[in-house]
Each structure stands twice: as C-alpha cells, then as structure tokens.
Amino acid sequence: MRRQAVLEKAIVTRIIKTLKINPHVVVRKRHGTAMGMAGDPDLYGTINGRHFEIEVKRPNDSSSQLTELQTQRLMEWKAGGAITGVARSVGDALLILGLEKVSA
C-alpha cells in the first residue's frame, strides 16, 4: 500500500505552529489574491526584527519544485536583505531562520 503524500498545507501549518513558539518570531501565511504578487513565497514574517520569506514545498516529491517565477521572487527578497529559503519540513524552516530544532 502506498503512503499518502504529505500536503503542502500540512507542512505550512506545522511550520507556523513551531515558529509561533518563539517570542522573537512573527510569521504569517500569504494567501494568493488578486491584490497579491504572483510567485511570492508562502510564509513571511520577522525574526528578531529581520524580514524573512519562505517558500514551502512537499517533501520527497520530484514534481514539487520552484517555478521560475518563485525563484525570481526569492532572489528579489534576498537582494532586498530578507532571509529566504525553501522549506520541505519544519526542520528546513528552522535552519533557514538559524533556529535550533525544538525536541518533539
């Protein structure tokens, strides 16, 4: 029997829940709307006053890759001084932000 693939939404939820434990982190989920910018990363916020942008992708799924536009947007944010990265797990998000993984 094949295991059900982990949904991106589930990873986003886990990352947000874990990051909100840290009092120095403010994190928000970006929802795609007509007013938003296409390709902007899924999560944004601050850590110790420094802006971050994180794109979330499904783990172990070769079809879950950054689009050219997503890559461009991450590079724009990085050039502007933001912390940026792609997370496929809570651990990835913590590494991007320089936080140690909290024992579960």
N, C-alpha and C. Protein backbone atom coordinates (compact mmCIF):
# COMPACT_ATOMS: atom_id res chain seq x y z
N MET A 1 0.84 -1.17 0.00
CA MET A 1 0.00 0.00 0.00
C MET A 1 0.89 1.25 0.00
N ARG A 2 0.61 2.21 -0.89
CA ARG A 2 1.40 3.45 -0.97
C ARG A 2 1.00 4.41 0.13
N ARG A 3 2.02 5.09 0.64
CA ARG A 3 1.75 6.13 1.65
C ARG A 3 1.19 7.36 0.97
N GLN A 4 0.26 8.00 1.64
CA GLN A 4 -0.32 9.25 1.15
C GLN A 4 0.74 10.35 1.18
N ALA A 5 0.87 11.11 0.11
CA ALA A 5 1.83 12.20 0.06
C ALA A 5 1.44 13.28 1.08
N VAL A 6 2.45 13.88 1.68
CA VAL A 6 2.22 14.96 2.63
C VAL A 6 1.80 16.20 1.84
N LEU A 7 0.72 16.82 2.25
CA LEU A 7 0.24 18.00 1.57
C LEU A 7 1.03 19.23 2.01
N GLU A 8 1.24 20.15 1.08
CA GLU A 8 1.95 21.38 1.38
C GLU A 8 1.26 22.14 2.51
N LYS A 9 -0.05 22.13 2.50
CA LYS A 9 -0.83 22.82 3.54
C LYS A 9 -0.48 22.30 4.93
N ALA A 10 -0.30 20.98 5.05
CA ALA A 10 0.04 20.38 6.34
C ALA A 10 1.43 20.83 6.80
N ILE A 11 2.36 20.94 5.87
CA ILE A 11 3.72 21.39 6.22
C ILE A 11 3.68 22.84 6.67
N VAL A 12 2.94 23.67 5.93
CA VAL A 12 2.79 25.09 6.29
C VAL A 12 2.25 25.21 7.70
N THR A 13 1.22 24.46 8.02
CA THR A 13 0.60 24.52 9.34
C THR A 13 1.61 24.14 10.43
N ARG A 14 2.38 23.08 10.20
CA ARG A 14 3.38 22.64 11.19
C ARG A 14 4.47 23.70 11.38
N ILE A 15 4.91 24.29 10.28
CA ILE A 15 5.96 25.31 10.37
C ILE A 15 5.45 26.50 11.17
N ILE A 16 4.26 26.99 10.84
CA ILE A 16 3.70 28.15 11.55
C ILE A 16 3.56 27.85 13.04
N LYS A 17 3.01 26.68 13.37
CA LYS A 17 2.82 26.30 14.77
C LYS A 17 4.15 26.29 15.53
N THR A 18 5.18 25.75 14.89
CA THR A 18 6.50 25.67 15.53
C THR A 18 7.14 27.04 15.67
N LEU A 19 7.04 27.87 14.64
CA LEU A 19 7.67 29.20 14.69
C LEU A 19 6.99 30.11 15.70
N LYS A 20 5.68 29.97 15.88
CA LYS A 20 4.95 30.82 16.82
C LYS A 20 5.35 30.58 18.27
N ILE A 21 6.02 29.48 18.55
CA ILE A 21 6.50 29.21 19.91
C ILE A 21 7.59 30.20 20.30
N ASN A 22 8.36 30.66 19.32
CA ASN A 22 9.47 31.58 19.58
C ASN A 22 8.95 33.01 19.70
N PRO A 23 9.20 33.67 20.84
CA PRO A 23 8.68 35.02 21.04
C PRO A 23 9.33 36.07 20.14
N HIS A 24 10.43 35.73 19.48
CA HIS A 24 11.13 36.67 18.61
C HIS A 24 10.74 36.51 17.14
N VAL A 25 9.72 35.69 16.90
CA VAL A 25 9.28 35.42 15.52
C VAL A 25 7.82 35.84 15.35
N VAL A 26 7.58 36.54 14.26
CA VAL A 26 6.21 36.82 13.81
C VAL A 26 6.13 36.17 12.44
N VAL A 27 5.15 35.30 12.23
CA VAL A 27 5.02 34.59 10.96
C VAL A 27 3.59 34.67 10.47
N ARG A 28 3.45 34.80 9.15
CA ARG A 28 2.13 34.86 8.52
C ARG A 28 2.14 34.01 7.25
N LYS A 29 0.97 33.48 6.92
CA LYS A 29 0.76 32.75 5.67
C LYS A 29 0.25 33.74 4.65
N ARG A 30 0.89 33.77 3.50
CA ARG A 30 0.45 34.64 2.42
C ARG A 30 -0.60 33.90 1.61
N HIS A 31 -1.74 34.51 1.44
CA HIS A 31 -2.83 33.92 0.66
C HIS A 31 -2.88 34.59 -0.70
N GLY A 32 -2.89 33.79 -1.74
CA GLY A 32 -2.93 34.33 -3.09
C GLY A 32 -4.26 35.01 -3.37
N THR A 33 -4.18 36.28 -3.72
CA THR A 33 -5.38 37.03 -4.07
C THR A 33 -5.06 37.88 -5.29
N ALA A 34 -6.08 38.49 -5.85
CA ALA A 34 -5.89 39.37 -7.00
C ALA A 34 -5.00 40.55 -6.63
N MET A 35 -4.97 40.92 -5.36
CA MET A 35 -4.15 42.05 -4.91
C MET A 35 -2.70 41.65 -4.62
N GLY A 36 -2.44 40.35 -4.54
CA GLY A 36 -1.10 39.87 -4.22
C GLY A 36 -0.19 39.84 -5.43
N MET A 37 1.08 39.55 -5.18
CA MET A 37 2.09 39.45 -6.23
C MET A 37 2.31 37.98 -6.56
N ALA A 38 2.07 37.62 -7.79
CA ALA A 38 2.26 36.22 -8.21
C ALA A 38 3.68 35.77 -7.93
N GLY A 39 3.81 34.56 -7.42
CA GLY A 39 5.11 33.97 -7.19
C GLY A 39 5.73 34.27 -5.83
N ASP A 40 5.11 35.19 -5.05
CA ASP A 40 5.68 35.48 -3.74
C ASP A 40 5.60 34.23 -2.85
N PRO A 41 6.57 34.05 -1.95
CA PRO A 41 6.62 32.87 -1.08
C PRO A 41 5.41 32.72 -0.17
N ASP A 42 5.22 31.50 0.33
CA ASP A 42 4.07 31.14 1.15
C ASP A 42 4.07 31.80 2.52
N LEU A 43 5.23 31.88 3.14
CA LEU A 43 5.32 32.39 4.51
C LEU A 43 6.21 33.63 4.54
N TYR A 44 5.83 34.57 5.38
CA TYR A 44 6.66 35.77 5.58
C TYR A 44 6.56 36.19 7.03
N GLY A 45 7.51 36.99 7.45
CA GLY A 45 7.49 37.47 8.82
C GLY A 45 8.81 38.09 9.21
N THR A 46 9.03 38.15 10.52
CA THR A 46 10.28 38.68 11.04
C THR A 46 10.82 37.76 12.13
N ILE A 47 12.13 37.75 12.24
CA ILE A 47 12.81 37.08 13.34
C ILE A 47 13.82 38.08 13.89
N ASN A 48 13.64 38.43 15.14
CA ASN A 48 14.49 39.45 15.76
C ASN A 48 14.54 40.72 14.91
N GLY A 49 13.42 41.08 14.31
CA GLY A 49 13.33 42.30 13.53
C GLY A 49 13.81 42.19 12.09
N ARG A 50 14.25 41.02 11.67
CA ARG A 50 14.73 40.82 10.29
C ARG A 50 13.66 40.10 9.49
N HIS A 51 13.34 40.64 8.32
CA HIS A 51 12.29 40.08 7.47
C HIS A 51 12.72 38.74 6.86
N PHE A 52 11.77 37.80 6.76
CA PHE A 52 12.04 36.54 6.07
C PHE A 52 10.90 36.18 5.12
N GLU A 53 11.25 35.39 4.12
CA GLU A 53 10.31 34.86 3.13
C GLU A 53 10.67 33.39 2.91
N ILE A 54 9.70 32.50 3.10
CA ILE A 54 9.95 31.06 2.93
C ILE A 54 8.91 30.47 1.98
N GLU A 55 9.39 29.80 0.95
CA GLU A 55 8.53 29.05 0.05
C GLU A 55 8.46 27.62 0.57
N VAL A 56 7.27 27.06 0.67
CA VAL A 56 7.09 25.71 1.20
C VAL A 56 6.76 24.77 0.04
N LYS A 57 7.43 23.63 0.03
CA LYS A 57 7.20 22.61 -0.99
C LYS A 57 7.05 21.25 -0.31
N ARG A 58 6.38 20.33 -0.99
CA ARG A 58 6.19 18.98 -0.46
C ARG A 58 7.52 18.22 -0.44
N PRO A 59 7.75 17.43 0.61
CA PRO A 59 8.98 16.63 0.66
C PRO A 59 8.87 15.39 -0.22
N ASN A 60 10.01 14.91 -0.65
CA ASN A 60 10.09 13.66 -1.41
C ASN A 60 9.13 13.63 -2.60
N ASP A 61 9.01 14.75 -3.28
CA ASP A 61 8.12 14.82 -4.44
C ASP A 61 8.85 15.59 -5.54
N SER A 62 9.33 14.86 -6.53
CA SER A 62 10.11 15.49 -7.59
C SER A 62 9.30 16.49 -8.41
N SER A 63 7.98 16.40 -8.34
CA SER A 63 7.14 17.35 -9.08
C SER A 63 6.93 18.65 -8.30
N SER A 64 7.32 18.67 -7.03
CA SER A 64 7.13 19.85 -6.19
C SER A 64 8.42 20.68 -6.20
N GLN A 65 8.59 21.44 -7.27
CA GLN A 65 9.79 22.25 -7.46
C GLN A 65 9.42 23.72 -7.59
N LEU A 66 10.39 24.59 -7.34
CA LEU A 66 10.15 26.02 -7.52
C LEU A 66 9.91 26.31 -8.99
N THR A 67 8.98 27.20 -9.24
CA THR A 67 8.79 27.68 -10.60
C THR A 67 9.85 28.76 -10.85
N GLU A 68 10.02 29.13 -12.09
CA GLU A 68 10.96 30.19 -12.43
C GLU A 68 10.57 31.49 -11.73
N LEU A 69 9.27 31.78 -11.70
CA LEU A 69 8.79 32.99 -11.05
C LEU A 69 9.04 32.97 -9.55
N GLN A 70 8.83 31.82 -8.91
CA GLN A 70 9.10 31.71 -7.47
C GLN A 70 10.58 31.91 -7.17
N THR A 71 11.43 31.36 -8.01
CA THR A 71 12.87 31.54 -7.85
C THR A 71 13.23 33.02 -7.96
N GLN A 72 12.65 33.69 -8.95
CA GLN A 72 12.90 35.12 -9.16
C GLN A 72 12.45 35.93 -7.94
N ARG A 73 11.26 35.63 -7.42
CA ARG A 73 10.75 36.38 -6.26
C ARG A 73 11.65 36.18 -5.04
N LEU A 74 12.10 34.94 -4.79
CA LEU A 74 13.00 34.69 -3.66
C LEU A 74 14.30 35.47 -3.83
N MET A 75 14.83 35.53 -5.05
CA MET A 75 16.06 36.28 -5.30
C MET A 75 15.85 37.78 -5.07
N GLU A 76 14.66 38.29 -5.45
CA GLU A 76 14.35 39.70 -5.21
C GLU A 76 14.34 40.01 -3.72
N TRP A 77 13.68 39.15 -2.94
CA TRP A 77 13.63 39.35 -1.49
C TRP A 77 15.02 39.28 -0.88
N LYS A 78 15.81 38.31 -1.33
CA LYS A 78 17.17 38.16 -0.80
C LYS A 78 18.01 39.40 -1.13
N ALA A 79 17.90 39.90 -2.34
CA ALA A 79 18.65 41.10 -2.74
C ALA A 79 18.24 42.30 -1.90
N GLY A 80 17.00 42.29 -1.43
CA GLY A 80 16.50 43.37 -0.58
C GLY A 80 16.87 43.21 0.89
N GLY A 81 17.57 42.14 1.22
CA GLY A 81 18.04 41.95 2.59
C GLY A 81 17.26 40.95 3.42
N ALA A 82 16.25 40.34 2.85
CA ALA A 82 15.45 39.36 3.61
C ALA A 82 16.17 38.02 3.71
N ILE A 83 15.85 37.29 4.75
CA ILE A 83 16.27 35.89 4.88
C ILE A 83 15.31 35.11 3.99
N THR A 84 15.83 34.25 3.13
CA THR A 84 14.97 33.50 2.22
C THR A 84 15.36 32.03 2.18
N GLY A 85 14.41 31.20 1.76
CA GLY A 85 14.71 29.79 1.59
C GLY A 85 13.50 28.99 1.20
N VAL A 86 13.77 27.72 0.89
CA VAL A 86 12.72 26.77 0.54
C VAL A 86 12.69 25.71 1.63
N ALA A 87 11.51 25.48 2.20
CA ALA A 87 11.35 24.51 3.28
C ALA A 87 10.47 23.36 2.83
N ARG A 88 10.93 22.16 3.08
CA ARG A 88 10.14 20.96 2.82
C ARG A 88 9.76 20.28 4.13
N SER A 89 10.14 20.94 5.24
CA SER A 89 9.85 20.40 6.58
C SER A 89 10.01 21.52 7.60
N VAL A 90 9.57 21.24 8.81
CA VAL A 90 9.77 22.18 9.92
C VAL A 90 11.27 22.40 10.13
N GLY A 91 12.02 21.32 10.08
CA GLY A 91 13.47 21.41 10.27
C GLY A 91 14.12 22.34 9.26
N ASP A 92 13.68 22.28 8.01
CA ASP A 92 14.22 23.18 6.98
C ASP A 92 13.94 24.64 7.34
N ALA A 93 12.72 24.93 7.77
CA ALA A 93 12.35 26.30 8.13
C ALA A 93 13.21 26.80 9.29
N LEU A 94 13.43 25.94 10.28
CA LEU A 94 14.26 26.33 11.42
C LEU A 94 15.70 26.60 10.99
N LEU A 95 16.21 25.80 10.09
CA LEU A 95 17.58 26.01 9.58
C LEU A 95 17.67 27.33 8.81
N ILE A 96 16.68 27.62 7.97
CA ILE A 96 16.66 28.86 7.21
C ILE A 96 16.75 30.05 8.14
N LEU A 97 16.04 29.97 9.26
CA LEU A 97 15.98 31.09 10.20
C LEU A 97 17.08 31.05 11.27
N GLY A 98 17.93 30.03 11.21
CA GLY A 98 19.02 29.95 12.17
C GLY A 98 18.58 29.53 13.56
N LEU A 99 17.46 28.85 13.65
CA LEU A 99 16.95 28.38 14.94
C LEU A 99 17.27 26.90 15.09
N GLU A 100 17.51 26.50 16.31
CA GLU A 100 17.72 25.08 16.56
C GLU A 100 16.39 24.38 16.61
N LYS A 101 16.38 23.14 16.14
CA LYS A 101 15.14 22.37 16.16
C LYS A 101 14.75 22.06 17.60
N VAL A 102 13.48 22.31 17.90
CA VAL A 102 12.94 22.02 19.23
C VAL A 102 12.62 20.54 19.31
N SER A 103 13.04 19.89 20.39
CA SER A 103 12.75 18.47 20.56
C SER A 103 11.25 18.25 20.68
N ALA A 104 10.79 17.24 19.97
CA ALA A 104 9.34 16.94 19.99
C ALA A 104 9.02 15.93 21.04
